[in-house]
């Protein structure tokens, strides 16, 4: 009997047909709305998410809600696996893994064999931190605002292997890209082996000129790794154009995809320089050091097949909306938010100039008041924020102008608490 079960019958048993219809419907709705302009279009996009207006997410730097169709697909395909855990049934996910990898690669300007599907940015960063070869005395240049997984993680590697970590501090609002590049370049010596930075800071919102920094590293024969946790899904990326050697990112942040799925881009020709950290079941993947592609970093043990498959669904939705349109909307909402917060008496940590910032918006709040401000914003105004770096608000395409105004009104109501 089990051998005669078809994929369609499994879906029916799992209650999945409706979910797949909803998934297809999301794509069709967004596709039909391409001629819709202004807020009507973004209102349709907002309806692709299930959060209530009493708990509006504005903390993309930590976690975004998934598109409803993506969450539905994860649930459905999890049931598909649980209904029949045989190798025979799970074989169908081999194709969806390849399809997901190809789709996300295309959207960031990479080749499929330059992409490893990891679990998150932390894992991708760790593959680079722990995988590159060093000798005592080698130097690593990092931004002092790097995320802990691309910051303190280097301290641990340095302590173990006798490396030297050079941290670059930047002005709160740099004068120009050239000033940023010059400060990083001055930190590099003939012993520098890696230059690594978070493209958009999660604690200040400052965006670095990734392409220019990568060119600086390349001209000096230095490996360049980018933490793209605050970039993928918010910015229209092209890693070949950027010129970095590797980039790590997570689907659960700005990409609005499934949880515990990420990407590690490794430029063709660089994979042989990096030792894999985890050797799980390899299957058809060979992990010899000289392997030219990034798949050797994908031997991570048992995967969540449903989540990996749903990554492709997320990529389809981004393709329908278009990454450049997403970036423009994020910039629009972040600019609106910054202007309103400033008028409300807040002191911005994040540069006002969109060229110097992404979607992360941070204002100063005395440390002793940060939790109270964030909690009040959530309980009284229904806006979920974070206390990283002060008060952090990160609007995305599922947010409306009304959401932005509520956040501004909430901060304005706490003028005494946000005074520094």
Protein backbone atom coordinates (compact mmCIF):
# COMPACT_ATOMS: atom_id res chain seq x y z
CA UNK A 1 0.00 0.00 0.00
CA UNK A 2 2.65 2.66 0.92
CA UNK A 3 4.43 2.10 -2.37
CA UNK A 4 1.33 3.13 -4.29
CA UNK A 5 0.95 6.43 -2.45
CA UNK A 6 1.54 9.37 -4.75
CA UNK A 7 2.80 12.80 -3.77
CA UNK A 8 -0.67 14.18 -4.45
CA UNK A 9 -2.29 11.66 -2.13
CA UNK A 10 0.24 12.47 0.58
CA UNK A 11 -0.58 16.13 0.26
CA UNK A 12 -4.26 15.37 0.47
CA UNK A 13 -3.76 13.22 3.57
CA UNK A 14 -1.65 16.00 5.09
CA UNK A 15 -4.22 18.65 4.31
CA UNK A 16 -1.69 20.28 2.03
CA UNK A 17 -3.64 20.99 -1.13
CA UNK A 18 -5.22 24.10 0.35
CA UNK A 19 -1.85 25.33 1.56
CA UNK A 20 -0.29 24.88 -1.87
CA UNK A 21 -3.24 26.69 -3.40
CA UNK A 22 -2.67 29.55 -0.96
CA UNK A 23 1.02 29.55 -1.87
CA UNK A 24 0.22 29.77 -5.56
CA UNK A 25 -2.39 32.40 -4.84
CA UNK A 26 0.14 34.64 -3.12
CA UNK A 27 2.30 34.65 -6.23
CA UNK A 28 -0.68 35.26 -8.49
CA UNK A 29 -2.01 38.09 -6.32
CA UNK A 30 1.33 39.89 -6.27
CA UNK A 31 1.83 39.29 -9.98
CA UNK A 32 -1.60 40.73 -10.81
CA UNK A 33 -0.86 43.76 -8.65
CA UNK A 34 2.25 44.81 -10.59
CA UNK A 35 0.25 47.56 -12.27
CA UNK A 36 -1.06 48.77 -8.89
CA UNK A 37 0.69 51.86 -7.64
CA UNK A 38 1.49 53.42 -4.29
CA UNK A 39 0.08 52.31 -1.00
CA UNK A 40 -2.56 50.07 -2.59
CA UNK A 41 0.21 47.77 -3.81
CA UNK A 42 1.97 47.68 -0.47
CA UNK A 43 -1.33 47.05 1.30
CA UNK A 44 -1.67 43.91 -0.81
CA UNK A 45 1.86 42.88 0.16
CA UNK A 46 1.06 43.47 3.84
CA UNK A 47 -1.88 41.03 3.50
CA UNK A 48 0.60 38.25 2.64
CA UNK A 49 1.57 38.19 6.35
CA UNK A 50 -0.53 36.98 9.26
CA UNK A 51 0.61 39.29 12.08
CA UNK A 52 -2.08 41.32 13.81
CA UNK A 53 -2.02 45.10 13.88
CA UNK A 54 -1.77 44.86 17.66
CA UNK A 55 1.71 43.31 17.35
CA UNK A 56 3.42 44.94 14.38
CA UNK A 57 6.94 43.62 13.70
CA UNK A 58 9.58 46.31 13.24
CA UNK A 59 12.68 44.38 14.25
CA UNK A 60 14.00 42.86 11.03
CA UNK A 61 17.57 43.02 12.31
CA UNK A 62 16.59 40.14 14.59
CA UNK A 63 13.60 38.32 13.09
CA UNK A 64 11.00 38.88 10.39
CA UNK A 65 7.69 37.08 9.94
CA UNK A 66 7.63 34.73 6.97
CA UNK A 67 5.28 35.30 4.08
CA UNK A 68 2.13 33.35 4.98
CA UNK A 69 2.51 31.15 1.91
CA UNK A 70 6.06 30.30 2.96
CA UNK A 71 4.97 29.34 6.47
CA UNK A 72 2.14 27.28 4.96
CA UNK A 73 4.56 25.50 2.69
CA UNK A 74 6.88 24.62 5.57
CA UNK A 75 3.91 23.20 7.50
CA UNK A 76 2.63 21.25 4.52
CA UNK A 77 5.96 19.76 3.53
CA UNK A 78 6.73 18.87 7.14
CA UNK A 79 3.55 16.81 7.06
CA UNK A 80 4.67 15.27 3.78
CA UNK A 81 7.84 14.08 5.48
CA UNK A 82 6.12 12.93 8.66
CA UNK A 83 3.52 11.00 6.69
CA UNK A 84 6.25 8.98 4.98
CA UNK A 85 9.84 9.27 6.20
CA UNK A 86 11.15 6.74 3.71
CA UNK A 87 14.09 7.51 1.46
CA UNK A 88 11.69 6.93 -1.41
CA UNK A 89 9.45 9.80 -0.37
CA UNK A 90 12.20 12.16 0.77
CA UNK A 91 14.03 11.78 -2.53
CA UNK A 92 11.70 14.41 -3.98
CA UNK A 93 13.42 17.03 -1.81
CA UNK A 94 16.72 16.58 -3.66
CA UNK A 95 15.27 18.56 -6.53
CA UNK A 96 13.74 21.24 -4.31
CA UNK A 97 17.09 21.79 -2.58
CA UNK A 98 18.78 22.32 -5.93
CA UNK A 99 15.96 24.59 -7.08
CA UNK A 100 16.13 26.70 -3.91
CA UNK A 101 19.88 27.03 -4.24
CA UNK A 102 19.61 28.09 -7.88
CA UNK A 103 16.88 30.66 -7.18
CA UNK A 104 18.68 32.43 -4.34
CA UNK A 105 21.94 32.33 -6.29
CA UNK A 106 20.31 34.06 -9.26
CA UNK A 107 18.85 36.77 -7.05
CA UNK A 108 22.20 37.75 -5.57
CA UNK A 109 24.14 37.51 -8.82
CA UNK A 110 25.93 34.24 -8.02
CA UNK A 111 26.25 30.86 -9.70
CA UNK A 112 24.44 27.95 -7.99
CA UNK A 113 27.70 26.16 -7.23
CA UNK A 114 28.90 29.25 -5.35
CA UNK A 115 26.08 28.88 -2.80
CA UNK A 116 25.88 26.63 0.24
CA UNK A 117 22.53 26.47 2.03
CA UNK A 118 23.41 26.84 5.70
CA UNK A 119 21.26 27.36 8.78
CA UNK A 120 21.95 31.06 9.42
CA UNK A 121 24.49 33.88 9.16
CA UNK A 122 26.28 32.72 12.30
CA UNK A 123 27.04 29.36 10.72
CA UNK A 124 28.22 30.98 7.50
CA UNK A 125 30.47 33.39 9.37
CA UNK A 126 31.88 30.52 11.43
CA UNK A 127 32.72 28.52 8.32
CA UNK A 128 34.91 31.39 7.17
CA UNK A 129 36.36 32.27 10.59
CA UNK A 130 37.34 28.69 11.36
CA UNK A 131 38.00 27.47 7.83
CA UNK A 132 40.68 29.79 6.47
CA UNK A 133 44.34 28.90 6.96
CA UNK A 134 46.47 31.18 9.11
CA UNK A 135 49.87 31.21 10.74
CA UNK A 136 50.87 32.96 13.98
CA UNK A 137 51.17 36.70 13.54
CA UNK A 138 48.68 36.95 10.69
CA UNK A 139 46.34 39.92 10.99
CA UNK A 140 42.56 40.16 10.59
CA UNK A 141 41.00 43.60 10.01
CA UNK A 142 37.41 43.92 11.19
CA UNK A 143 34.87 46.69 11.80
CA UNK A 144 34.28 47.27 15.48
CA UNK A 145 30.51 47.25 14.79
CA UNK A 146 30.58 43.75 13.32
CA UNK A 147 28.04 41.33 14.75
CA UNK A 148 29.43 39.11 17.49
CA UNK A 149 29.67 36.16 15.07
CA UNK A 150 32.02 38.20 12.90
CA UNK A 151 33.67 40.04 15.78
CA UNK A 152 34.28 38.23 19.06
CA UNK A 153 34.43 34.98 17.09
CA UNK A 154 37.70 36.26 15.61
CA UNK A 155 39.05 36.92 19.11
CA UNK A 156 38.57 33.26 19.96
CA UNK A 157 40.32 32.13 16.77
CA UNK A 158 43.12 34.63 17.44
CA UNK A 159 43.65 33.45 20.99
CA UNK A 160 43.85 29.84 19.85
CA UNK A 161 46.20 30.37 16.89
CA UNK A 162 48.19 33.49 17.73
CA UNK A 163 46.52 35.90 15.32
CA UNK A 164 46.24 39.67 15.65
CA UNK A 165 42.84 41.35 15.38
CA UNK A 166 42.73 44.97 14.19
CA UNK A 167 39.44 46.77 14.83
CA UNK A 168 38.50 49.78 12.74
CA UNK A 169 36.35 52.49 14.33
CA UNK A 170 34.46 54.85 12.07
CA UNK A 171 32.93 58.30 12.61
CA UNK A 172 29.29 58.20 13.59
CA UNK A 173 28.46 59.80 10.24
CA UNK A 174 31.36 59.36 7.81
CA UNK A 175 32.14 62.25 5.48
CA UNK A 176 32.25 59.96 2.45
CA UNK A 177 32.81 56.43 1.21
CA UNK A 178 36.41 57.40 0.64
CA UNK A 179 36.88 58.22 4.31
CA UNK A 180 35.57 54.77 5.26
CA UNK A 181 37.77 53.01 2.72
CA UNK A 182 40.81 55.03 3.79
CA UNK A 183 40.40 54.08 7.45
CA UNK A 184 40.15 50.39 6.58
CA UNK A 185 43.07 50.62 4.14
CA UNK A 186 45.29 52.26 6.79
CA UNK A 187 44.52 49.35 9.14
CA UNK A 188 45.85 46.85 6.61
CA UNK A 189 49.50 45.81 6.53
CA UNK A 190 51.55 43.25 4.63
CA UNK A 191 50.48 40.74 7.32
CA UNK A 192 46.74 41.28 6.83
CA UNK A 193 45.06 38.12 5.54
CA UNK A 194 41.36 38.95 5.93
CA UNK A 195 39.23 42.10 5.83
CA UNK A 196 35.72 41.39 7.08
CA UNK A 197 32.77 43.63 7.87
CA UNK A 198 29.03 43.68 8.40
CA UNK A 199 27.60 45.58 5.42
CA UNK A 200 24.84 47.21 7.49
CA UNK A 201 25.38 47.54 11.24
CA UNK A 202 22.72 46.06 13.47
CA UNK A 203 23.63 48.49 16.26
CA UNK A 204 23.87 51.80 14.38
CA UNK A 205 22.29 51.23 10.96
CA UNK A 206 25.41 52.58 9.21
CA UNK A 207 25.91 51.01 5.77
CA UNK A 208 29.44 50.47 4.50
CA UNK A 209 30.54 50.78 0.85
CA UNK A 210 30.96 47.03 0.34
CA UNK A 211 32.08 47.20 -3.29
CA UNK A 212 34.82 49.74 -2.59
CA UNK A 213 36.05 47.88 0.48
CA UNK A 214 36.13 44.60 -1.45
CA UNK A 215 38.16 46.27 -4.20
CA UNK A 216 40.60 47.59 -1.58
CA UNK A 217 41.06 44.08 -0.22
CA UNK A 218 41.39 42.53 -3.67
CA UNK A 219 44.06 45.05 -4.73
CA UNK A 220 46.13 44.00 -1.70
CA UNK A 221 45.59 40.26 -2.07
CA UNK A 222 43.45 40.18 1.10
CA UNK A 223 40.48 37.84 1.54
CA UNK A 224 37.20 39.78 1.91
CA UNK A 225 34.22 38.37 3.80
CA UNK A 226 30.91 40.21 4.17
CA UNK A 227 28.27 39.64 6.84
CA UNK A 228 25.11 40.26 4.83
CA UNK A 229 22.58 39.56 7.58
CA UNK A 230 21.10 43.07 7.25
CA UNK A 231 21.49 43.16 3.46
CA UNK A 232 19.93 40.02 1.97
CA UNK A 233 16.25 40.69 1.43
CA UNK A 234 16.58 44.44 2.06
CA UNK A 235 19.06 45.44 -0.64
CA UNK A 236 19.29 44.43 -4.28
CA UNK A 237 22.52 42.41 -4.05
CA UNK A 238 24.95 41.35 -6.74
CA UNK A 239 27.88 39.59 -5.13
CA UNK A 240 29.88 39.33 -8.35
CA UNK A 241 29.60 43.07 -8.78
CA UNK A 242 30.47 43.65 -5.11
CA UNK A 243 33.60 41.59 -5.59
CA UNK A 244 33.80 40.00 -2.15
CA UNK A 245 35.18 36.49 -1.66
CA UNK A 246 32.31 35.34 0.53
CA UNK A 247 29.06 36.53 2.07
CA UNK A 248 26.83 35.00 4.74
CA UNK A 249 23.16 35.77 5.41
CA UNK A 250 19.98 34.42 7.03
CA UNK A 251 16.56 33.79 5.51
CA UNK A 252 14.73 34.57 8.76
CA UNK A 253 15.64 38.25 8.69
CA UNK A 254 14.97 40.67 5.80
CA UNK A 255 14.45 37.83 3.30
CA UNK A 256 11.25 36.94 5.22
CA UNK A 257 11.77 33.26 4.59
CA UNK A 258 11.75 30.05 6.62
CA UNK A 259 13.57 29.78 9.92
CA UNK A 260 16.93 28.06 10.26
CA UNK A 261 17.95 28.46 6.64
CA UNK A 262 20.77 30.69 5.47
CA UNK A 263 23.21 31.11 2.63
CA UNK A 264 26.97 31.19 2.33
CA UNK A 265 28.29 32.55 -0.95
CA UNK A 266 31.88 31.56 -1.76
CA UNK A 267 33.32 32.97 -4.95
CA UNK A 268 34.44 30.39 -7.49
CA UNK A 269 38.07 29.50 -6.89
CA UNK A 270 37.97 30.35 -3.18
CA UNK A 271 36.42 27.16 -1.79
CA UNK A 272 39.74 25.23 -1.86
CA UNK A 273 41.16 27.82 0.57
CA UNK A 274 38.56 27.01 3.22
CA UNK A 275 38.32 23.91 5.40
CA UNK A 276 34.76 22.71 6.07
CA UNK A 277 33.77 22.96 9.74
CA UNK A 278 31.09 20.28 9.85
CA UNK A 279 31.27 16.92 8.13
CA UNK A 280 27.85 15.33 8.27
CA UNK A 281 26.47 12.80 5.84
CA UNK A 282 28.07 13.74 2.54
CA UNK A 283 25.99 11.73 0.05
CA UNK A 284 26.99 12.95 -3.40
CA UNK A 285 28.91 15.91 -1.98
CA UNK A 286 32.66 15.50 -1.74
CA UNK A 287 34.43 17.57 0.89
CA UNK A 288 38.04 17.32 -0.24
CA UNK A 289 39.88 20.57 0.41
CA UNK A 290 40.48 21.22 -3.28
CA UNK A 291 36.77 21.02 -4.17
CA UNK A 292 36.04 24.10 -6.26
CA UNK A 293 32.43 24.76 -5.23
CA UNK A 294 30.61 25.80 -2.07
CA UNK A 295 28.59 22.59 -1.65
CA UNK A 296 31.31 21.09 0.53
CA UNK A 297 30.04 23.45 3.26
CA UNK A 298 26.56 21.91 3.08
CA UNK A 299 27.32 18.62 4.82
CA UNK A 300 25.52 19.73 7.97
CA UNK A 301 23.73 16.55 8.96
CA UNK A 302 19.97 16.14 8.91
CA UNK A 303 18.31 19.13 7.25
CA UNK A 304 14.80 20.52 7.54
CA UNK A 305 13.76 19.55 4.02
CA UNK A 306 10.53 21.53 4.30
CA UNK A 307 12.31 24.76 5.21
CA UNK A 308 14.90 24.37 2.47
CA UNK A 309 12.13 23.80 -0.08
CA UNK A 310 10.22 26.84 1.19
CA UNK A 311 13.31 28.97 0.60
CA UNK A 312 12.55 28.64 -3.10
CA UNK A 313 8.99 29.83 -2.48
CA UNK A 314 10.39 32.91 -0.74
CA UNK A 315 12.72 33.58 -3.66
CA UNK A 316 9.76 33.41 -6.05
CA UNK A 317 7.92 36.04 -4.03
CA UNK A 318 10.94 38.34 -4.01
CA UNK A 319 11.24 37.89 -7.76
CA UNK A 320 7.60 38.91 -8.20
CA UNK A 321 7.99 42.02 -6.06
CA UNK A 322 11.52 42.67 -7.42
CA UNK A 323 14.54 43.25 -5.13
CA UNK A 324 15.08 46.81 -6.35
CA UNK A 325 11.47 47.63 -5.50
CA UNK A 326 11.93 46.12 -2.04
CA UNK A 327 15.04 48.22 -1.48
CA UNK A 328 13.26 51.39 -2.58
CA UNK A 329 10.35 50.72 -0.23
CA UNK A 330 12.63 49.95 2.72
CA UNK A 331 14.52 53.18 2.04
CA UNK A 332 11.24 55.12 1.80
CA UNK A 333 9.89 53.82 5.10
CA UNK A 334 13.21 54.15 6.94
CA UNK A 335 13.55 57.77 5.73
CA UNK A 336 10.00 58.54 6.82
CA UNK A 337 10.70 56.98 10.20
CA UNK A 338 13.96 58.87 10.73
CA UNK A 339 12.38 62.20 9.86
CA UNK A 340 9.45 61.58 12.20
CA UNK A 341 11.62 60.41 15.07
CA UNK A 342 13.84 63.45 14.72
CA UNK A 343 10.78 65.73 14.78
CA UNK A 344 9.61 63.86 17.88
CA UNK A 345 12.76 64.92 19.73
CA UNK A 346 14.80 61.75 19.27
CA UNK A 347 18.54 61.79 18.59
CA UNK A 348 19.37 59.59 15.62
CA UNK A 349 22.29 57.20 15.79
CA UNK A 350 21.67 56.13 12.18
CA UNK A 351 22.75 58.56 9.43
CA UNK A 352 19.85 60.38 7.81
CA UNK A 353 21.38 60.00 4.34
CA UNK A 354 19.95 56.83 2.72
CA UNK A 355 23.28 56.31 0.96
CA UNK A 356 24.86 55.74 4.38
CA UNK A 357 22.17 53.52 5.87
CA UNK A 358 19.99 50.51 5.18
CA UNK A 359 16.69 49.68 6.84
CA UNK A 360 18.04 49.64 10.40
CA UNK A 361 17.05 52.80 12.32
CA UNK A 362 18.48 53.46 15.79
CA UNK A 363 17.88 56.34 18.19
CA UNK A 364 19.67 57.18 21.42
CA UNK A 365 17.96 56.15 24.66
CA UNK A 366 19.65 56.12 28.08
CA UNK A 367 20.50 52.51 28.90
CA UNK A 368 18.43 52.52 32.08
CA UNK A 369 15.33 53.49 30.06
CA UNK A 370 15.77 51.27 27.00
CA UNK A 371 13.71 48.32 28.19
CA UNK A 372 10.91 50.57 29.44
CA UNK A 373 10.75 52.41 26.12
CA UNK A 374 10.73 49.22 24.05
CA UNK A 375 8.16 47.54 26.30
CA UNK A 376 5.89 50.60 26.27
CA UNK A 377 6.12 50.84 22.50
CA UNK A 378 4.91 47.24 22.28
CA UNK A 379 2.25 47.19 25.01
CA UNK A 380 0.69 50.61 24.30
CA UNK A 381 1.36 51.11 20.61
CA UNK A 382 1.64 47.55 19.29
CA UNK A 383 5.10 48.04 17.75
CA UNK A 384 7.75 45.36 18.34
CA UNK A 385 11.20 46.98 18.50
CA UNK A 386 14.59 46.17 20.01
CA UNK A 387 17.00 47.80 22.46
CA UNK A 388 20.15 47.09 20.43
CA UNK A 389 22.31 50.22 20.35
CA UNK A 390 19.53 52.34 21.90
CA UNK A 391 16.04 51.84 20.48
CA UNK A 392 16.12 50.00 17.16
CA UNK A 393 13.27 50.05 14.66
CA UNK A 394 13.56 48.26 11.32
CA UNK A 395 10.63 48.76 8.92
CA UNK A 396 10.07 46.41 6.00
CA UNK A 397 7.70 45.98 3.06
CA UNK A 398 4.99 44.48 5.28
CA UNK A 399 4.87 47.72 7.28
CA UNK A 400 2.52 50.53 6.31
CA UNK A 401 2.81 54.28 6.67
CA UNK A 402 0.30 53.99 9.51
CA UNK A 403 2.66 51.61 11.31
CA UNK A 404 5.48 54.12 10.92
CA UNK A 405 3.33 56.89 12.36
CA UNK A 406 2.40 54.74 15.35
CA UNK A 407 6.05 54.13 16.07
CA UNK A 408 6.76 57.84 15.85
CA UNK A 409 3.79 58.68 18.08
CA UNK A 410 4.94 56.10 20.60
CA UNK A 411 8.43 57.53 20.83
CA UNK A 412 7.04 61.09 20.98
CA UNK A 413 4.94 60.10 23.99
CA UNK A 414 8.12 59.17 25.86
CA UNK A 415 10.19 62.30 25.27
CA UNK A 416 11.41 62.40 28.86
CA UNK A 417 12.60 58.80 28.72
CA UNK A 418 14.56 59.20 25.49
CA UNK A 419 16.46 62.32 26.53
CA UNK A 420 20.20 61.68 26.69
